[in-house]
């Protein structure tokens, strides 16, 4: 396979991943419309669902073995009935794998074993930011990871010719895209929901964009966790000043 084809496939893969990443903006809905404690409960339930998805995804072999063992120990069933149940479950597993291949596995990177973990990390970090820092900081953290991180990945992959001095996996073009996209989205969001802007909206948007881009560019960090929490922390500090 040529380098051009590999690069095209890589971009297509990341486009699917980042479009899914942008969907994490749905976390904004409970945080904005519900009381803090109720919003925290909703985000916590979403985090638990991602945990369950992770377990379910990894445990298909164990589930198959457990079903076979359980059916085998059902003494009141005939051998024919046991085979029928086992065969039915195997058909279900085939359907399950086809579904996962179509909607989940095609968005996995080559070495990624646990595709649900990223969703859990974003939900967990959003929950921490909400509980520790409040509504506006948590919302800005979600915007940074959903919009900034997604656009920076795509732009960096396509146009990232200038690598950062401290991280060869990140590019100047990607970081600029993070800042511009996050600043624009956060500004529009705060103009529309003006009651969330405790200071000038552009200052909140600028803090969100710059801090988010800086944290996202650091090596050896999980930006799905660090970006929402770090952005929330610095927005919270701005609230105290």
Foldseek 3Di string as FASTA:
>chain_A
DDPVVVLVLVLVLLVLVLVVLLVLLVLLVCLVPHDLVVSLVVLVVQLVVLVVVQCVQPCPVVVLVVLLVVLVPPVVDDPVVSVVVSVVVVVVVVVVVVVCVVRPVSNDDPPDDGRSVLVSQLSVLLSVLCVPQNRLLSSLLSLLRSFLVSQLVSQCSVPFPAADPQANVGGPRSLVSSLVRQLVVQLVVCVVVVVSDPDPSSVLSNLSRVQLSVVSNHPPDDSSNCRSNRSSVVVSVVVVD
